[in-house]
Amino acid sequence: MLAGVWFVNRYMLKHDTEWLDQTLPSQQQLSRAALGPPLPFPLELRIDRHPDWRTQLPELFAAHSFELAAVASRIGISQEMILAEALKQHLRVPLSNRAAMRFGQEKLESIRSDLCADIPKYKVAKKHGIGQWTIRLIELDTPRIRDTRKGTADTKIRNAHRQRVLDLIASDPNASRSTLMERASGTYQYMLEQDRKWFEKTVRQRSRGRGSSPRGNRFDRGQFDSELAEKVTQIMRELKSTSHRPVRITKHGVLRRAGCLAKYMQFSSDLPKTQALLNEHAETMAAYRVRKIRWAIAELARSGQAIVGETLRRKAGLSNTLLQEYKQLVLETAQELRANVAPSSVFARE
């Protein structure tokens, strides 16, 4: 206890215990210090003895009385890494008696209740005057908290998608599943995969009208495939044009531009020409970045500007870190297009 300032001691114990524990050692810590530090194991020996410490973590905890600090010291791994792995494996590591007594059962249950209710952790920390490390220790002591929070989060996601469906129906009483597919393909996909029963019960399927001649009204999928493939080819040609800043070519993006996303998703297995085009030309993020860099260098060369990091960053719309990863591409493209690389530029250095 802080002699002569009992009110300060009382405040610290109630509102700032973590800082107090780090700043003023407990009587137990002082006693240990008087006995001298434990004989340390060489770091190399500790790691060699437990090269696969993650799989041995349950046994390590059991062998060291579930003391996080003791396990960390024994195998030469930080407490943060061990705690994260224990949470990942859903291991239960009980709170120390000291921590449990410090908080009291009532406060601990209140913290657990707030965490299970999926209240943001920073709000829980502020409400109870604890730190993020303490919250993680409590999660480690109570594995059900993480499962409950995940379940709550999944429910929120499901309800958000359901609300989007209900909003669409409210704004358009004639909306069908195809309408949702057109306007919110992400929600449509989620519903089919995660909430199909509710979706089919809530959103009607558009009825097919009957014409005077069933044969005449039959949908010609082969003809549609050819027409859509033509549209897709034209859209891709426009997207690849160097006359404007590059736009990433994705299947959904191209089909939306063609106005045929819903029909494609309905008949995709019968549209081989369109499928082949989309599979061939859809860009990965890496390919898109390469195209952006080459376009930016071409633009700089056309305007007679020297290539420096900041200018290329702005033109390509990529971070300096990413441009560094593509340094060889920048140099090769600059040489190919006869672009001037400034001698002071990071791209000119070895």
Protein backbone atom coordinates (compact mmCIF):
# COMPACT_ATOMS: atom_id res chain seq x y z
CA MET A 1 0.00 0.00 0.00
CA LEU A 2 1.17 3.52 -0.79
CA ALA A 3 2.03 4.81 2.69
CA GLY A 4 0.37 8.10 3.62
CA VAL A 5 -1.73 8.28 0.47
CA TRP A 6 -4.35 5.62 1.04
CA PHE A 7 -6.84 7.42 -1.17
CA VAL A 8 -4.41 7.23 -4.11
CA ASN A 9 -3.88 3.54 -3.44
CA ARG A 10 -7.63 2.99 -3.34
CA TYR A 11 -8.12 4.85 -6.63
CA MET A 12 -5.35 2.91 -8.40
CA LEU A 13 -6.70 -0.46 -7.23
CA LYS A 14 -10.15 0.46 -8.46
CA HIS A 15 -9.40 2.26 -11.74
CA ASP A 16 -5.82 1.62 -12.90
CA THR A 17 -4.65 -1.70 -11.50
CA GLU A 18 -2.69 -2.74 -14.59
CA TRP A 19 -0.44 0.33 -14.47
CA LEU A 20 -0.03 -0.07 -10.69
CA ASP A 21 1.02 -3.70 -11.06
CA GLN A 22 3.60 -2.77 -13.68
CA THR A 23 4.95 0.20 -11.72
CA LEU A 24 4.98 -1.07 -8.11
CA PRO A 25 5.83 -4.76 -7.59
CA SER A 26 3.65 -6.85 -5.31
CA GLN A 27 4.94 -8.40 -2.09
CA GLN A 28 5.13 -11.74 -3.87
CA GLN A 29 7.26 -10.24 -6.64
CA LEU A 30 9.56 -8.63 -4.05
CA SER A 31 9.95 -11.97 -2.31
CA ARG A 32 10.89 -13.65 -5.57
CA ALA A 33 13.37 -10.87 -6.31
CA ALA A 34 15.00 -11.41 -2.91
CA LEU A 35 15.53 -15.06 -3.78
CA GLY A 36 17.18 -14.07 -7.02
CA PRO A 37 16.11 -14.79 -10.60
CA PRO A 38 15.52 -18.36 -11.72
CA LEU A 39 18.31 -19.93 -13.68
CA PRO A 40 17.46 -19.11 -17.31
CA PHE A 41 17.54 -21.65 -20.07
CA PRO A 42 19.52 -20.56 -23.12
CA LEU A 43 17.13 -19.22 -25.76
CA GLU A 44 18.41 -21.62 -28.42
CA LEU A 45 17.90 -24.60 -26.11
CA ARG A 46 14.37 -23.58 -25.27
CA ILE A 47 13.35 -23.22 -28.91
CA ASP A 48 15.13 -26.43 -29.99
CA ARG A 49 13.40 -28.38 -27.23
CA HIS A 50 9.97 -27.21 -28.43
CA PRO A 51 10.29 -26.63 -32.20
CA ASP A 52 6.58 -27.34 -32.62
CA TRP A 53 5.36 -25.54 -29.53
CA ARG A 54 1.90 -24.87 -30.97
CA THR A 55 0.94 -28.56 -31.02
CA GLN A 56 2.47 -29.04 -27.57
CA LEU A 57 0.78 -25.99 -26.04
CA PRO A 58 -1.85 -27.91 -23.99
CA GLU A 59 0.87 -30.10 -22.45
CA LEU A 60 3.10 -27.08 -21.80
CA PHE A 61 0.33 -25.29 -19.93
CA ALA A 62 -0.43 -28.37 -17.87
CA ALA A 63 3.26 -28.86 -17.05
CA HIS A 64 3.59 -25.25 -15.84
CA SER A 65 0.38 -24.98 -13.80
CA PHE A 66 -1.27 -22.91 -16.54
CA GLU A 67 1.05 -19.97 -15.87
CA LEU A 68 1.31 -17.97 -19.09
CA ALA A 69 4.53 -16.23 -18.05
CA ALA A 70 6.14 -19.54 -17.04
CA VAL A 71 5.34 -21.15 -20.40
CA ALA A 72 6.64 -18.10 -22.28
CA SER A 73 9.88 -18.16 -20.31
CA ARG A 74 10.29 -21.90 -20.79
CA ILE A 75 10.05 -21.96 -24.59
CA GLY A 76 11.32 -18.46 -25.43
CA ILE A 77 8.11 -17.25 -27.08
CA SER A 78 6.36 -13.99 -26.19
CA GLN A 79 3.25 -14.12 -24.00
CA GLU A 80 1.30 -12.31 -26.74
CA MET A 81 2.03 -15.07 -29.28
CA ILE A 82 1.20 -17.81 -26.81
CA LEU A 83 -2.05 -16.14 -25.78
CA ALA A 84 -3.11 -15.67 -29.41
CA GLU A 85 -2.39 -19.33 -30.18
CA ALA A 86 -4.25 -20.49 -27.07
CA LEU A 87 -7.31 -18.47 -28.12
CA LYS A 88 -7.06 -19.93 -31.61
CA GLN A 89 -6.99 -23.48 -30.21
CA HIS A 90 -9.87 -22.71 -27.81
CA LEU A 91 -7.73 -23.71 -24.85
CA ARG A 92 -8.89 -22.69 -21.41
CA VAL A 93 -6.25 -21.08 -19.20
CA PRO A 94 -7.79 -20.08 -15.85
CA LEU A 95 -7.24 -16.59 -14.49
CA SER A 96 -4.70 -16.43 -11.71
CA ASN A 97 -6.11 -16.39 -8.18
CA ARG A 98 -4.72 -12.92 -7.75
CA ALA A 99 -6.54 -11.57 -10.83
CA ALA A 100 -9.79 -13.29 -9.85
CA MET A 101 -9.65 -11.85 -6.33
CA ARG A 102 -8.75 -8.40 -7.65
CA PHE A 103 -11.84 -8.19 -9.85
CA GLY A 104 -14.26 -10.17 -7.72
CA GLN A 105 -16.76 -12.68 -9.06
CA GLU A 106 -19.50 -10.11 -9.65
CA LYS A 107 -17.32 -7.84 -11.80
CA LEU A 108 -15.91 -10.79 -13.74
CA GLU A 109 -19.41 -12.02 -14.57
CA SER A 110 -20.37 -8.52 -15.66
CA ILE A 111 -17.36 -8.33 -18.00
CA ARG A 112 -18.09 -11.79 -19.41
CA SER A 113 -21.73 -10.84 -19.96
CA ASP A 114 -20.77 -7.68 -21.87
CA LEU A 115 -18.29 -9.61 -24.03
CA CYS A 116 -20.89 -12.28 -24.82
CA ALA A 117 -23.32 -9.53 -25.81
CA ASP A 118 -20.85 -8.55 -28.58
CA ILE A 119 -20.28 -5.10 -27.10
CA PRO A 120 -17.11 -3.65 -28.72
CA LYS A 121 -14.11 -4.54 -26.62
CA TYR A 122 -12.92 -0.95 -26.28
CA LYS A 123 -16.30 -0.07 -24.73
CA VAL A 124 -16.06 -3.02 -22.35
CA ALA A 125 -12.56 -1.89 -21.36
CA LYS A 126 -13.72 1.68 -20.75
CA LYS A 127 -16.82 0.63 -18.82
CA HIS A 128 -14.94 -1.64 -16.42
CA GLY A 129 -11.65 0.26 -16.25
CA ILE A 130 -9.55 -2.58 -17.63
CA GLY A 131 -7.09 -2.97 -20.50
CA GLN A 132 -7.22 -5.02 -23.69
CA TRP A 133 -4.72 -7.50 -22.26
CA THR A 134 -7.02 -8.20 -19.32
CA ILE A 135 -9.93 -8.74 -21.72
CA ARG A 136 -7.90 -11.31 -23.63
CA LEU A 137 -6.99 -13.10 -20.41
CA ILE A 138 -10.68 -13.26 -19.50
CA GLU A 139 -11.46 -14.64 -22.98
CA LEU A 140 -8.75 -17.23 -22.42
CA ASP A 141 -10.38 -18.14 -19.11
CA THR A 142 -13.82 -18.39 -20.76
CA PRO A 143 -13.61 -19.88 -24.31
CA ARG A 144 -17.39 -19.69 -24.77
CA ILE A 145 -17.08 -15.90 -25.06
CA ARG A 146 -15.46 -16.12 -28.50
CA ASP A 147 -18.02 -18.64 -29.77
CA THR A 148 -20.88 -16.49 -28.50
CA ARG A 149 -19.40 -13.33 -30.06
CA LYS A 150 -18.94 -15.14 -33.38
CA GLY A 151 -22.53 -16.38 -33.25
CA THR A 152 -23.77 -12.87 -32.52
CA ALA A 153 -21.70 -11.46 -35.39
CA ASP A 154 -23.07 -14.10 -37.79
CA THR A 155 -26.60 -13.21 -36.73
CA LYS A 156 -25.93 -9.52 -37.38
CA ILE A 157 -24.65 -10.30 -40.87
CA ARG A 158 -27.68 -12.47 -41.60
CA ASN A 159 -30.08 -9.80 -40.33
CA ALA A 160 -28.34 -7.11 -42.41
CA HIS A 161 -28.83 -9.18 -45.58
CA ARG A 162 -32.44 -9.93 -44.66
CA GLN A 163 -33.09 -6.23 -44.11
CA ARG A 164 -31.64 -5.46 -47.53
CA VAL A 165 -34.07 -7.94 -49.07
CA LEU A 166 -37.01 -6.47 -47.13
CA ASP A 167 -36.01 -2.92 -48.11
CA LEU A 168 -35.97 -3.95 -51.76
CA ILE A 169 -39.46 -5.45 -51.49
CA ALA A 170 -40.72 -2.34 -49.68
CA SER A 171 -39.40 -0.06 -52.42
CA ASP A 172 -40.57 -2.33 -55.22
CA PRO A 173 -43.53 -4.65 -54.40
CA ASN A 174 -42.99 -6.43 -57.75
CA ALA A 175 -39.37 -7.24 -56.95
CA SER A 176 -38.38 -10.84 -57.58
CA ARG A 177 -35.29 -12.91 -56.98
CA SER A 178 -33.94 -11.76 -60.33
CA THR A 179 -34.36 -8.16 -59.20
CA LEU A 180 -32.26 -8.82 -56.12
CA MET A 181 -29.67 -10.59 -58.26
CA GLU A 182 -29.40 -7.48 -60.44
CA ARG A 183 -29.32 -4.88 -57.66
CA ALA A 184 -27.49 -6.68 -54.85
CA SER A 185 -25.66 -9.72 -56.17
CA GLY A 186 -23.69 -10.11 -52.91
CA THR A 187 -26.87 -10.41 -50.84
CA TYR A 188 -28.40 -12.73 -53.44
CA GLN A 189 -25.37 -15.03 -53.24
CA TYR A 190 -25.41 -14.95 -49.43
CA MET A 191 -29.09 -15.87 -49.36
CA LEU A 192 -28.62 -18.85 -51.65
CA GLU A 193 -25.69 -20.16 -49.61
CA GLN A 194 -26.60 -19.22 -46.02
CA ASP A 195 -30.31 -18.38 -45.71
CA ARG A 196 -32.06 -20.10 -48.61
CA LYS A 197 -35.17 -21.28 -46.76
CA TRP A 198 -36.07 -17.79 -45.50
CA PHE A 199 -35.21 -16.29 -48.89
CA GLU A 200 -37.44 -18.62 -50.89
CA LYS A 201 -40.27 -18.10 -48.43
CA THR A 202 -39.95 -14.30 -48.49
CA VAL A 203 -39.15 -13.46 -52.12
CA ARG A 204 -41.33 -14.81 -54.85
CA GLN A 205 -39.97 -16.23 -58.07
CA ARG A 206 -40.92 -14.33 -61.18
CA SER A 207 -43.64 -16.26 -63.02
CA ARG A 208 -43.05 -17.12 -66.63
CA GLY A 209 -45.73 -15.76 -68.96
CA ARG A 210 -47.26 -17.98 -71.58
CA GLY A 211 -47.17 -16.87 -75.17
CA SER A 212 -49.42 -17.97 -78.00
CA SER A 213 -46.64 -20.19 -79.26
CA PRO A 214 -44.55 -21.99 -76.64
CA ARG A 215 -41.95 -22.91 -79.28
CA GLY A 216 -41.71 -19.29 -80.40
CA ASN A 217 -41.21 -18.06 -76.83
CA ARG A 218 -38.54 -20.62 -75.99
CA PHE A 219 -35.32 -19.00 -74.81
CA ASP A 220 -32.54 -19.67 -77.29
CA ARG A 221 -29.49 -20.05 -75.03
CA GLY A 222 -27.07 -20.61 -77.89
CA GLN A 223 -28.08 -17.35 -79.56
CA PHE A 224 -27.96 -15.51 -76.23
CA ASP A 225 -24.48 -16.90 -75.59
CA SER A 226 -23.23 -15.62 -78.96
CA GLU A 227 -24.79 -12.18 -78.46
CA LEU A 228 -23.49 -11.86 -74.90
CA ALA A 229 -20.01 -13.01 -75.95
CA GLU A 230 -20.01 -10.22 -78.54
CA LYS A 231 -21.03 -7.66 -75.91
CA VAL A 232 -18.41 -8.93 -73.49
CA THR A 233 -15.69 -8.71 -76.16
CA GLN A 234 -16.62 -5.10 -76.89
CA ILE A 235 -16.72 -4.13 -73.19
CA MET A 236 -13.34 -5.73 -72.54
CA ARG A 237 -11.86 -3.92 -75.53
CA GLU A 238 -13.11 -0.63 -74.08
CA LEU A 239 -11.82 -1.46 -70.58
CA LYS A 240 -8.37 -2.33 -71.95
CA SER A 241 -8.15 0.87 -73.95
CA THR A 242 -5.14 3.00 -72.98
CA SER A 243 -7.09 6.20 -73.56
CA HIS A 244 -8.35 6.23 -69.96
CA ARG A 245 -7.22 5.17 -66.49
CA PRO A 246 -7.37 1.37 -66.17
CA VAL A 247 -10.40 -0.26 -64.58
CA ARG A 248 -10.04 -3.77 -63.26
CA ILE A 249 -11.71 -6.40 -65.43
CA THR A 250 -13.86 -8.72 -63.35
CA LYS A 251 -16.61 -11.12 -64.37
CA HIS A 252 -19.32 -9.34 -62.41
CA GLY A 253 -18.14 -5.91 -63.53
CA VAL A 254 -18.24 -6.84 -67.22
CA LEU A 255 -21.63 -8.55 -66.92
CA ARG A 256 -23.10 -5.56 -65.09
CA ARG A 257 -21.92 -3.28 -67.89
CA ALA A 258 -23.55 -5.65 -70.35
CA GLY A 259 -26.77 -5.57 -68.32
CA CYS A 260 -26.89 -9.36 -68.25
CA LEU A 261 -25.63 -10.34 -64.80
CA ALA A 262 -28.91 -11.91 -63.64
CA LYS A 263 -29.46 -13.90 -66.82
CA TYR A 264 -25.86 -15.06 -66.88
CA MET A 265 -26.06 -16.32 -63.29
CA GLN A 266 -29.23 -18.18 -64.20
CA PHE A 267 -27.89 -19.86 -67.36
CA SER A 268 -24.11 -19.75 -66.89
CA SER A 269 -23.65 -23.48 -67.44
CA ASP A 270 -25.22 -23.12 -70.93
CA LEU A 271 -23.08 -20.16 -72.04
CA PRO A 272 -19.69 -21.66 -72.97
CA LYS A 273 -18.51 -18.82 -75.23
CA THR A 274 -19.17 -16.14 -72.64
CA GLN A 275 -17.68 -18.25 -69.88
CA ALA A 276 -14.49 -18.83 -71.86
CA LEU A 277 -14.08 -15.10 -72.53
CA LEU A 278 -14.65 -14.15 -68.91
CA ASN A 279 -12.26 -16.82 -67.62
CA GLU A 280 -9.58 -15.79 -70.09
CA HIS A 281 -9.70 -12.04 -69.56
CA ALA A 282 -10.80 -11.55 -65.93
CA GLU A 283 -7.86 -10.00 -64.06
CA THR A 284 -6.26 -10.98 -60.83
CA MET A 285 -5.27 -8.08 -58.59
CA ALA A 286 -1.61 -8.64 -59.52
CA ALA A 287 -2.36 -8.48 -63.26
CA TYR A 288 -4.43 -5.33 -62.75
CA ARG A 289 -1.55 -3.65 -60.90
CA VAL A 290 0.86 -4.52 -63.71
CA ARG A 291 -1.51 -2.96 -66.25
CA LYS A 292 -1.87 0.18 -64.13
CA ILE A 293 1.89 0.57 -63.78
CA ARG A 294 2.50 0.12 -67.51
CA TRP A 295 -0.27 2.61 -68.33
CA ALA A 296 1.11 5.18 -65.87
CA ILE A 297 4.64 4.90 -67.29
CA ALA A 298 3.29 5.25 -70.83
CA GLU A 299 1.38 8.38 -69.81
CA LEU A 300 4.47 9.90 -68.15
CA ALA A 301 6.59 9.09 -71.20
CA ARG A 302 3.99 10.63 -73.52
CA SER A 303 3.99 13.88 -71.53
CA GLY A 304 7.79 13.93 -71.24
CA GLN A 305 7.79 13.66 -67.45
CA ALA A 306 10.63 11.92 -65.68
CA ILE A 307 9.74 8.90 -63.55
CA VAL A 308 10.14 9.56 -59.85
CA GLY A 309 8.49 7.71 -56.98
CA GLU A 310 5.88 10.32 -56.08
CA THR A 311 4.85 11.07 -59.67
CA LEU A 312 4.45 7.40 -60.52
CA ARG A 313 2.60 6.75 -57.27
CA ARG A 314 0.00 9.40 -58.07
CA LYS A 315 -0.37 8.40 -61.68
CA ALA A 316 -0.71 4.68 -61.01
CA GLY A 317 -2.75 5.07 -57.81
CA LEU A 318 -0.54 2.60 -55.94
CA SER A 319 1.35 2.94 -52.67
CA ASN A 320 5.13 3.39 -52.56
CA THR A 321 5.42 -0.01 -50.89
CA LEU A 322 3.65 -1.76 -53.77
CA LEU A 323 5.68 0.12 -56.37
CA GLN A 324 8.85 -1.05 -54.66
CA GLU A 325 7.68 -4.64 -55.13
CA TYR A 326 7.29 -3.95 -58.86
CA LYS A 327 10.61 -2.11 -59.25
CA GLN A 328 11.92 -4.50 -61.91
CA LEU A 329 8.72 -4.12 -63.93
CA VAL A 330 9.03 -0.33 -63.72
CA LEU A 331 12.61 -0.41 -65.01
CA GLU A 332 11.84 -2.86 -67.83
CA THR A 333 8.73 -0.95 -68.92
CA ALA A 334 10.57 2.38 -68.80
CA GLN A 335 13.32 0.92 -71.03
CA GLU A 336 10.76 -0.57 -73.41
CA LEU A 337 8.83 2.71 -73.74
CA ARG A 338 11.98 4.85 -73.63
CA ALA A 339 10.72 6.70 -70.58
CA ASN A 340 13.14 8.83 -68.59
CA VAL A 341 13.88 7.54 -65.07
CA ALA A 342 15.21 10.37 -62.89
CA PRO A 343 18.72 9.54 -61.58
CA SER A 344 17.63 10.60 -58.09
CA SER A 345 14.60 8.29 -58.22
CA VAL A 346 14.46 5.21 -56.02
CA PHE A 347 13.91 3.23 -59.23
CA ALA A 348 17.33 4.25 -60.52
CA ARG A 349 19.15 2.97 -57.45
CA GLU A 350 20.53 -0.52 -57.03
